[in-house]
Amino acid sequence: MRLGFSVHIVILLCALLVGVVAASAQEAAETIIKQGPAVEGDLYLAGRTVEIATEIQGDLVVAGQHVGIGRTVSGDVIAAGEVIRLGAPVEDDVRAAGRLITLSATVGGHIAAAGQQISFAADAAIGDWAWLAGQLVQVLGTVGGDLSAAGEEVVIG
């Protein structure tokens, strides 16, 4: 029961973050596919579907129903959405909230993530600590510092 309440709080926080990001976004649209030359500086995006297909040389703040990060981000990532897929290196820290969060890349710093399901692939690597909360938390990759995981089911490979 308590975990169900926590998931509802995460969803509420996601909705609030989506509203804040959308209000201050550099770009907001139904579908955003960021590609082409590298983006120099910080980037703020909001949309139903957001795909990052170019390098970000700064921080990335993104909100959407489906968020995919497929190229290197040299700074921090702050992401909120229903489905968040981190498939490329993040050189600093990650903060993510969503229903389904998957990581199959490296994070140079630490990660704090909350959602219904959080999954780290075997090739995922966190340079520092990880704080994870969800109904299902699955960590098959490596964590360079402390790992704090809370959930109904926690799997550590």
N, C-alpha and C. Protein backbone atom coordinates (compact mmCIF):
# COMPACT_ATOMS: atom_id res chain seq x y z
N MET A 1 0.83 -1.18 0.00
CA MET A 1 0.00 0.00 0.00
C MET A 1 0.88 1.25 0.00
N ARG A 2 1.89 1.28 0.84
CA ARG A 2 2.77 2.42 0.94
C ARG A 2 3.51 2.66 -0.38
N LEU A 3 3.95 1.60 -1.06
CA LEU A 3 4.64 1.74 -2.33
C LEU A 3 3.71 2.31 -3.38
N GLY A 4 2.43 1.90 -3.39
CA GLY A 4 1.46 2.45 -4.33
C GLY A 4 1.33 3.95 -4.16
N PHE A 5 1.31 4.42 -2.92
CA PHE A 5 1.25 5.85 -2.64
C PHE A 5 2.49 6.55 -3.19
N SER A 6 3.65 5.93 -3.03
CA SER A 6 4.91 6.50 -3.53
C SER A 6 4.87 6.64 -5.04
N VAL A 7 4.33 5.64 -5.74
CA VAL A 7 4.24 5.71 -7.20
C VAL A 7 3.33 6.86 -7.61
N HIS A 8 2.23 7.07 -6.88
CA HIS A 8 1.34 8.18 -7.19
C HIS A 8 2.04 9.53 -6.97
N ILE A 9 2.84 9.62 -5.96
CA ILE A 9 3.60 10.85 -5.72
C ILE A 9 4.58 11.09 -6.87
N VAL A 10 5.27 10.05 -7.33
CA VAL A 10 6.20 10.18 -8.45
C VAL A 10 5.46 10.67 -9.69
N ILE A 11 4.29 10.11 -9.96
CA ILE A 11 3.52 10.52 -11.13
C ILE A 11 3.11 11.99 -11.00
N LEU A 12 2.69 12.40 -9.83
CA LEU A 12 2.33 13.80 -9.60
C LEU A 12 3.54 14.71 -9.83
N LEU A 13 4.70 14.32 -9.30
CA LEU A 13 5.91 15.12 -9.50
C LEU A 13 6.28 15.20 -10.97
N CYS A 14 6.12 14.09 -11.70
CA CYS A 14 6.38 14.09 -13.15
C CYS A 14 5.49 15.09 -13.86
N ALA A 15 4.20 15.07 -13.50
CA ALA A 15 3.25 15.99 -14.14
C ALA A 15 3.62 17.44 -13.86
N LEU A 16 4.01 17.72 -12.62
CA LEU A 16 4.43 19.08 -12.28
C LEU A 16 5.68 19.48 -13.04
N LEU A 17 6.66 18.57 -13.13
CA LEU A 17 7.89 18.87 -13.84
C LEU A 17 7.63 19.09 -15.33
N VAL A 18 6.73 18.29 -15.92
CA VAL A 18 6.38 18.48 -17.33
C VAL A 18 5.82 19.87 -17.53
N GLY A 19 4.95 20.32 -16.63
CA GLY A 19 4.39 21.66 -16.74
C GLY A 19 5.43 22.74 -16.62
N VAL A 20 6.37 22.60 -15.68
CA VAL A 20 7.43 23.58 -15.49
C VAL A 20 8.35 23.61 -16.71
N VAL A 21 8.77 22.43 -17.20
CA VAL A 21 9.65 22.38 -18.36
C VAL A 21 8.96 22.95 -19.58
N ALA A 22 7.69 22.59 -19.78
CA ALA A 22 6.95 23.10 -20.95
C ALA A 22 6.85 24.62 -20.91
N ALA A 23 6.68 25.18 -19.71
CA ALA A 23 6.55 26.62 -19.59
C ALA A 23 7.86 27.34 -19.91
N SER A 24 9.00 26.70 -19.65
CA SER A 24 10.28 27.37 -19.87
C SER A 24 11.10 26.71 -20.98
N ALA A 25 10.48 25.84 -21.76
CA ALA A 25 11.22 25.09 -22.78
C ALA A 25 11.75 25.98 -23.88
N GLN A 26 12.95 25.64 -24.37
CA GLN A 26 13.46 26.28 -25.56
C GLN A 26 12.67 25.81 -26.76
N GLU A 27 12.18 24.57 -26.65
CA GLU A 27 11.41 23.99 -27.74
C GLU A 27 10.34 23.08 -27.14
N ALA A 28 9.11 23.28 -27.57
CA ALA A 28 8.00 22.45 -27.13
C ALA A 28 7.14 22.14 -28.34
N ALA A 29 6.85 20.86 -28.54
CA ALA A 29 6.02 20.43 -29.67
C ALA A 29 5.51 19.03 -29.39
N GLU A 30 4.59 18.55 -30.21
CA GLU A 30 4.07 17.20 -30.08
C GLU A 30 5.20 16.18 -30.18
N THR A 31 6.02 16.30 -31.23
CA THR A 31 7.16 15.40 -31.45
C THR A 31 8.40 16.24 -31.72
N ILE A 32 9.46 15.94 -30.98
CA ILE A 32 10.74 16.63 -31.18
C ILE A 32 11.80 15.57 -31.42
N ILE A 33 12.49 15.68 -32.54
CA ILE A 33 13.64 14.84 -32.82
C ILE A 33 14.82 15.79 -33.01
N LYS A 34 15.68 15.83 -32.01
CA LYS A 34 16.83 16.75 -32.04
C LYS A 34 17.98 16.03 -32.70
N GLN A 35 18.35 16.47 -33.91
CA GLN A 35 19.45 15.85 -34.65
C GLN A 35 20.25 16.94 -35.34
N GLY A 36 21.31 16.55 -36.03
CA GLY A 36 22.16 17.52 -36.70
C GLY A 36 23.41 17.80 -35.90
N PRO A 37 23.95 19.02 -36.04
CA PRO A 37 25.19 19.35 -35.32
C PRO A 37 24.97 19.37 -33.82
N ALA A 38 26.06 19.19 -33.09
CA ALA A 38 26.00 19.19 -31.63
C ALA A 38 25.38 20.48 -31.12
N VAL A 39 24.64 20.36 -30.02
CA VAL A 39 24.04 21.51 -29.37
C VAL A 39 25.04 22.00 -28.32
N GLU A 40 25.47 23.25 -28.45
CA GLU A 40 26.40 23.84 -27.49
C GLU A 40 25.60 24.57 -26.42
N GLY A 41 25.79 24.17 -25.18
CA GLY A 41 25.05 24.79 -24.07
C GLY A 41 23.92 23.91 -23.62
N ASP A 42 23.15 24.43 -22.66
CA ASP A 42 22.05 23.68 -22.06
C ASP A 42 20.86 23.64 -23.01
N LEU A 43 20.06 22.57 -22.89
CA LEU A 43 18.91 22.39 -23.75
C LEU A 43 17.70 21.99 -22.92
N TYR A 44 16.56 22.66 -23.16
CA TYR A 44 15.31 22.40 -22.47
C TYR A 44 14.26 22.03 -23.51
N LEU A 45 13.67 20.83 -23.37
CA LEU A 45 12.71 20.34 -24.35
C LEU A 45 11.49 19.75 -23.66
N ALA A 46 10.32 19.89 -24.30
CA ALA A 46 9.09 19.29 -23.80
C ALA A 46 8.23 18.89 -24.98
N GLY A 47 7.68 17.69 -24.93
CA GLY A 47 6.80 17.22 -25.99
C GLY A 47 6.27 15.85 -25.64
N ARG A 48 5.32 15.38 -26.43
CA ARG A 48 4.80 14.03 -26.19
C ARG A 48 5.91 13.01 -26.44
N THR A 49 6.62 13.14 -27.56
CA THR A 49 7.75 12.27 -27.88
C THR A 49 8.98 13.15 -28.11
N VAL A 50 10.06 12.86 -27.37
CA VAL A 50 11.30 13.63 -27.51
C VAL A 50 12.43 12.64 -27.71
N GLU A 51 13.13 12.76 -28.83
CA GLU A 51 14.28 11.90 -29.15
C GLU A 51 15.51 12.78 -29.32
N ILE A 52 16.57 12.42 -28.62
CA ILE A 52 17.84 13.14 -28.73
C ILE A 52 18.76 12.32 -29.62
N ALA A 53 19.04 12.84 -30.82
CA ALA A 53 19.88 12.14 -31.80
C ALA A 53 21.07 12.99 -32.18
N THR A 54 21.48 13.88 -31.29
CA THR A 54 22.68 14.69 -31.49
C THR A 54 23.34 14.90 -30.13
N GLU A 55 24.63 15.17 -30.15
CA GLU A 55 25.36 15.39 -28.91
C GLU A 55 24.93 16.69 -28.25
N ILE A 56 24.79 16.66 -26.92
CA ILE A 56 24.45 17.85 -26.14
C ILE A 56 25.68 18.22 -25.32
N GLN A 57 26.25 19.40 -25.59
CA GLN A 57 27.44 19.86 -24.88
C GLN A 57 27.01 20.81 -23.77
N GLY A 58 26.33 20.26 -22.78
CA GLY A 58 25.78 21.00 -21.66
C GLY A 58 24.78 20.11 -20.95
N ASP A 59 23.88 20.74 -20.20
CA ASP A 59 22.85 19.99 -19.47
C ASP A 59 21.64 19.78 -20.37
N LEU A 60 20.87 18.72 -20.09
CA LEU A 60 19.64 18.44 -20.80
C LEU A 60 18.51 18.32 -19.78
N VAL A 61 17.48 19.14 -19.95
CA VAL A 61 16.27 19.06 -19.14
C VAL A 61 15.16 18.74 -20.11
N VAL A 62 14.49 17.59 -19.90
CA VAL A 62 13.53 17.11 -20.88
C VAL A 62 12.33 16.48 -20.20
N ALA A 63 11.15 16.71 -20.79
CA ALA A 63 9.92 16.11 -20.28
C ALA A 63 9.07 15.67 -21.46
N GLY A 64 8.46 14.51 -21.32
CA GLY A 64 7.59 14.03 -22.38
C GLY A 64 7.03 12.67 -22.02
N GLN A 65 6.06 12.23 -22.79
CA GLN A 65 5.51 10.90 -22.55
C GLN A 65 6.56 9.84 -22.86
N HIS A 66 7.24 10.00 -24.00
CA HIS A 66 8.32 9.09 -24.39
C HIS A 66 9.58 9.93 -24.61
N VAL A 67 10.63 9.63 -23.84
CA VAL A 67 11.89 10.36 -23.93
C VAL A 67 12.99 9.36 -24.25
N GLY A 68 13.72 9.61 -25.32
CA GLY A 68 14.84 8.75 -25.70
C GLY A 68 16.10 9.57 -25.85
N ILE A 69 17.16 9.16 -25.19
CA ILE A 69 18.45 9.86 -25.28
C ILE A 69 19.42 8.89 -25.93
N GLY A 70 19.79 9.21 -27.19
CA GLY A 70 20.61 8.32 -27.98
C GLY A 70 21.98 8.85 -28.30
N ARG A 71 22.34 10.02 -27.78
CA ARG A 71 23.67 10.61 -28.00
C ARG A 71 24.21 11.16 -26.69
N THR A 72 25.51 11.34 -26.64
CA THR A 72 26.20 11.79 -25.42
C THR A 72 25.71 13.15 -24.94
N VAL A 73 25.53 13.24 -23.62
CA VAL A 73 25.23 14.50 -22.95
C VAL A 73 26.43 14.78 -22.03
N SER A 74 27.09 15.94 -22.23
CA SER A 74 28.31 16.21 -21.46
C SER A 74 28.02 16.73 -20.06
N GLY A 75 26.82 17.17 -19.78
CA GLY A 75 26.47 17.67 -18.46
C GLY A 75 25.50 16.76 -17.75
N ASP A 76 24.58 17.36 -17.01
CA ASP A 76 23.55 16.63 -16.27
C ASP A 76 22.36 16.34 -17.17
N VAL A 77 21.58 15.33 -16.78
CA VAL A 77 20.28 15.06 -17.40
C VAL A 77 19.24 15.08 -16.31
N ILE A 78 18.18 15.86 -16.54
CA ILE A 78 17.00 15.84 -15.70
C ILE A 78 15.86 15.48 -16.63
N ALA A 79 15.22 14.33 -16.37
CA ALA A 79 14.19 13.82 -17.28
C ALA A 79 12.95 13.39 -16.52
N ALA A 80 11.79 13.70 -17.10
CA ALA A 80 10.52 13.25 -16.55
C ALA A 80 9.66 12.77 -17.71
N GLY A 81 9.01 11.63 -17.51
CA GLY A 81 8.15 11.12 -18.56
C GLY A 81 7.60 9.77 -18.22
N GLU A 82 6.71 9.29 -19.04
CA GLU A 82 6.17 7.95 -18.82
C GLU A 82 7.23 6.89 -19.10
N VAL A 83 7.90 7.01 -20.25
CA VAL A 83 8.96 6.08 -20.64
C VAL A 83 10.22 6.90 -20.91
N ILE A 84 11.28 6.57 -20.18
CA ILE A 84 12.57 7.27 -20.35
C ILE A 84 13.61 6.21 -20.68
N ARG A 85 14.28 6.39 -21.82
CA ARG A 85 15.31 5.45 -22.29
C ARG A 85 16.63 6.20 -22.41
N LEU A 86 17.59 5.85 -21.55
CA LEU A 86 18.93 6.45 -21.59
C LEU A 86 19.86 5.45 -22.28
N GLY A 87 20.13 5.70 -23.56
CA GLY A 87 20.92 4.76 -24.34
C GLY A 87 22.27 5.29 -24.77
N ALA A 88 22.70 6.42 -24.21
CA ALA A 88 23.99 7.02 -24.57
C ALA A 88 24.63 7.58 -23.30
N PRO A 89 25.94 7.76 -23.32
CA PRO A 89 26.64 8.23 -22.12
C PRO A 89 26.17 9.61 -21.64
N VAL A 90 26.09 9.73 -20.32
CA VAL A 90 25.86 11.01 -19.66
C VAL A 90 27.12 11.23 -18.82
N GLU A 91 27.82 12.32 -19.09
CA GLU A 91 29.12 12.50 -18.45
C GLU A 91 29.04 13.00 -17.02
N ASP A 92 27.89 13.52 -16.59
CA ASP A 92 27.76 13.99 -15.22
C ASP A 92 26.64 13.21 -14.52
N ASP A 93 25.64 13.87 -13.96
CA ASP A 93 24.63 13.23 -13.13
C ASP A 93 23.30 13.08 -13.86
N VAL A 94 22.46 12.16 -13.35
CA VAL A 94 21.13 11.93 -13.91
C VAL A 94 20.11 11.97 -12.79
N ARG A 95 19.01 12.67 -13.05
CA ARG A 95 17.83 12.64 -12.18
C ARG A 95 16.66 12.34 -13.09
N ALA A 96 15.92 11.29 -12.77
CA ALA A 96 14.83 10.87 -13.65
C ALA A 96 13.63 10.41 -12.83
N ALA A 97 12.44 10.74 -13.34
CA ALA A 97 11.19 10.28 -12.74
C ALA A 97 10.26 9.87 -13.86
N GLY A 98 9.71 8.66 -13.74
CA GLY A 98 8.81 8.18 -14.78
C GLY A 98 8.27 6.82 -14.45
N ARG A 99 7.41 6.31 -15.32
CA ARG A 99 6.84 4.97 -15.09
C ARG A 99 7.87 3.90 -15.40
N LEU A 100 8.53 4.00 -16.55
CA LEU A 100 9.52 3.01 -16.99
C LEU A 100 10.81 3.74 -17.34
N ILE A 101 11.87 3.44 -16.60
CA ILE A 101 13.18 4.07 -16.83
C ILE A 101 14.17 2.97 -17.14
N THR A 102 14.83 3.05 -18.31
CA THR A 102 15.85 2.06 -18.67
C THR A 102 17.16 2.77 -18.96
N LEU A 103 18.24 2.14 -18.51
CA LEU A 103 19.59 2.66 -18.73
C LEU A 103 20.44 1.56 -19.33
N SER A 104 21.04 1.88 -20.48
CA SER A 104 21.94 0.91 -21.12
C SER A 104 23.21 1.61 -21.57
N ALA A 105 23.69 2.54 -20.76
CA ALA A 105 24.89 3.33 -21.08
C ALA A 105 25.61 3.67 -19.79
N THR A 106 26.57 4.58 -19.86
CA THR A 106 27.32 4.98 -18.68
C THR A 106 26.86 6.34 -18.18
N VAL A 107 26.95 6.51 -16.87
CA VAL A 107 26.71 7.80 -16.23
C VAL A 107 27.98 8.11 -15.45
N GLY A 108 28.62 9.23 -15.77
CA GLY A 108 29.89 9.57 -15.14
C GLY A 108 29.78 9.87 -13.66
N GLY A 109 28.68 10.49 -13.25
CA GLY A 109 28.48 10.85 -11.85
C GLY A 109 27.52 9.91 -11.17
N HIS A 110 26.50 10.51 -10.53
CA HIS A 110 25.52 9.70 -9.80
C HIS A 110 24.17 9.74 -10.50
N ILE A 111 23.26 8.89 -10.01
CA ILE A 111 21.90 8.84 -10.54
C ILE A 111 20.91 8.75 -9.40
N ALA A 112 19.82 9.51 -9.51
CA ALA A 112 18.69 9.42 -8.61
C ALA A 112 17.47 9.22 -9.51
N ALA A 113 16.77 8.11 -9.32
CA ALA A 113 15.64 7.80 -10.19
C ALA A 113 14.50 7.20 -9.39
N ALA A 114 13.28 7.58 -9.77
CA ALA A 114 12.08 7.02 -9.15
C ALA A 114 11.06 6.74 -10.22
N GLY A 115 10.41 5.59 -10.10
CA GLY A 115 9.40 5.22 -11.08
C GLY A 115 8.80 3.88 -10.75
N GLN A 116 7.90 3.44 -11.59
CA GLN A 116 7.30 2.13 -11.37
C GLN A 116 8.31 1.02 -11.63
N GLN A 117 9.06 1.13 -12.74
CA GLN A 117 10.07 0.12 -13.07
C GLN A 117 11.35 0.82 -13.52
N ILE A 118 12.45 0.46 -12.87
CA ILE A 118 13.77 1.00 -13.21
C ILE A 118 14.66 -0.18 -13.55
N SER A 119 15.25 -0.14 -14.76
CA SER A 119 16.09 -1.26 -15.20
C SER A 119 17.43 -0.75 -15.72
N PHE A 120 18.51 -1.31 -15.19
CA PHE A 120 19.86 -1.04 -15.69
C PHE A 120 20.33 -2.29 -16.41
N ALA A 121 20.70 -2.16 -17.67
CA ALA A 121 21.22 -3.28 -18.45
C ALA A 121 22.59 -3.70 -17.93
N ALA A 122 23.05 -4.86 -18.35
CA ALA A 122 24.35 -5.38 -17.92
C ALA A 122 25.50 -4.47 -18.32
N ASP A 123 25.35 -3.74 -19.43
CA ASP A 123 26.43 -2.85 -19.88
C ASP A 123 26.31 -1.44 -19.30
N ALA A 124 25.34 -1.18 -18.45
CA ALA A 124 25.19 0.13 -17.81
C ALA A 124 26.22 0.25 -16.69
N ALA A 125 26.74 1.46 -16.52
CA ALA A 125 27.72 1.71 -15.46
C ALA A 125 27.51 3.11 -14.88
N ILE A 126 27.47 3.18 -13.55
CA ILE A 126 27.33 4.43 -12.84
C ILE A 126 28.67 4.71 -12.17
N GLY A 127 29.22 5.90 -12.39
CA GLY A 127 30.53 6.23 -11.85
C GLY A 127 30.54 6.45 -10.35
N ASP A 128 29.43 6.93 -9.80
CA ASP A 128 29.36 7.26 -8.38
C ASP A 128 28.18 6.51 -7.76
N TRP A 129 27.42 7.14 -6.90
CA TRP A 129 26.34 6.47 -6.19
C TRP A 129 25.07 6.43 -7.01
N ALA A 130 24.15 5.54 -6.58
CA ALA A 130 22.84 5.43 -7.22
C ALA A 130 21.77 5.34 -6.15
N TRP A 131 20.72 6.15 -6.29
CA TRP A 131 19.56 6.10 -5.42
C TRP A 131 18.37 5.79 -6.29
N LEU A 132 17.70 4.65 -6.06
CA LEU A 132 16.64 4.16 -6.93
C LEU A 132 15.43 3.75 -6.10
N ALA A 133 14.24 4.13 -6.57
CA ALA A 133 13.01 3.74 -5.89
C ALA A 133 11.96 3.43 -6.94
N GLY A 134 11.30 2.28 -6.77
CA GLY A 134 10.26 1.89 -7.71
C GLY A 134 9.59 0.61 -7.28
N GLN A 135 8.57 0.23 -7.99
CA GLN A 135 7.92 -1.04 -7.71
C GLN A 135 8.87 -2.19 -8.04
N LEU A 136 9.52 -2.12 -9.23
CA LEU A 136 10.54 -3.08 -9.62
C LEU A 136 11.82 -2.32 -9.93
N VAL A 137 12.88 -2.67 -9.23
CA VAL A 137 14.20 -2.07 -9.47
C VAL A 137 15.14 -3.20 -9.85
N GLN A 138 15.73 -3.10 -11.04
CA GLN A 138 16.62 -4.16 -11.54
C GLN A 138 17.96 -3.52 -11.93
N VAL A 139 19.02 -3.94 -11.26
CA VAL A 139 20.37 -3.41 -11.53
C VAL A 139 21.26 -4.57 -11.96
N LEU A 140 21.52 -4.65 -13.25
CA LEU A 140 22.40 -5.70 -13.78
C LEU A 140 23.78 -5.15 -14.09
N GLY A 141 23.90 -3.82 -14.18
CA GLY A 141 25.18 -3.18 -14.48
C GLY A 141 25.97 -2.91 -13.21
N THR A 142 26.93 -2.00 -13.29
CA THR A 142 27.81 -1.69 -12.16
C THR A 142 27.53 -0.30 -11.60
N VAL A 143 27.76 -0.18 -10.29
CA VAL A 143 27.63 1.10 -9.59
C VAL A 143 28.95 1.34 -8.87
N GLY A 144 29.60 2.46 -9.18
CA GLY A 144 30.92 2.74 -8.63
C GLY A 144 30.92 3.16 -7.18
N GLY A 145 29.80 3.60 -6.65
CA GLY A 145 29.70 4.03 -5.25
C GLY A 145 28.61 3.25 -4.55
N ASP A 146 27.98 3.90 -3.58
CA ASP A 146 26.90 3.26 -2.82
C ASP A 146 25.66 3.08 -3.68
N LEU A 147 24.95 2.00 -3.45
CA LEU A 147 23.69 1.73 -4.11
C LEU A 147 22.60 1.67 -3.05
N SER A 148 21.60 2.56 -3.18
CA SER A 148 20.41 2.52 -2.32
C SER A 148 19.23 2.25 -3.22
N ALA A 149 18.57 1.12 -3.00
CA ALA A 149 17.44 0.72 -3.84
C ALA A 149 16.28 0.30 -2.96
N ALA A 150 15.09 0.82 -3.26
CA ALA A 150 13.89 0.47 -2.52
C ALA A 150 12.81 0.10 -3.52
N GLY A 151 12.09 -0.98 -3.23
CA GLY A 151 11.02 -1.37 -4.11
C GLY A 151 10.31 -2.62 -3.62
N GLU A 152 9.20 -2.92 -4.26
CA GLU A 152 8.50 -4.16 -3.96
C GLU A 152 9.35 -5.35 -4.34
N GLU A 153 10.06 -5.21 -5.48
CA GLU A 153 11.00 -6.24 -5.93
C GLU A 153 12.29 -5.56 -6.36
N VAL A 154 13.41 -5.96 -5.76
CA VAL A 154 14.72 -5.41 -6.11
C VAL A 154 15.60 -6.56 -6.56
N VAL A 155 16.15 -6.44 -7.78
CA VAL A 155 17.03 -7.46 -8.35
C VAL A 155 18.39 -6.82 -8.58
N ILE A 156 19.43 -7.43 -8.02
CA ILE A 156 20.79 -6.94 -8.23
C ILE A 156 21.59 -8.08 -8.84
N GLY A 157 22.10 -7.83 -10.07
CA GLY A 157 22.82 -8.86 -10.80
C GLY A 157 24.28 -8.89 -10.44
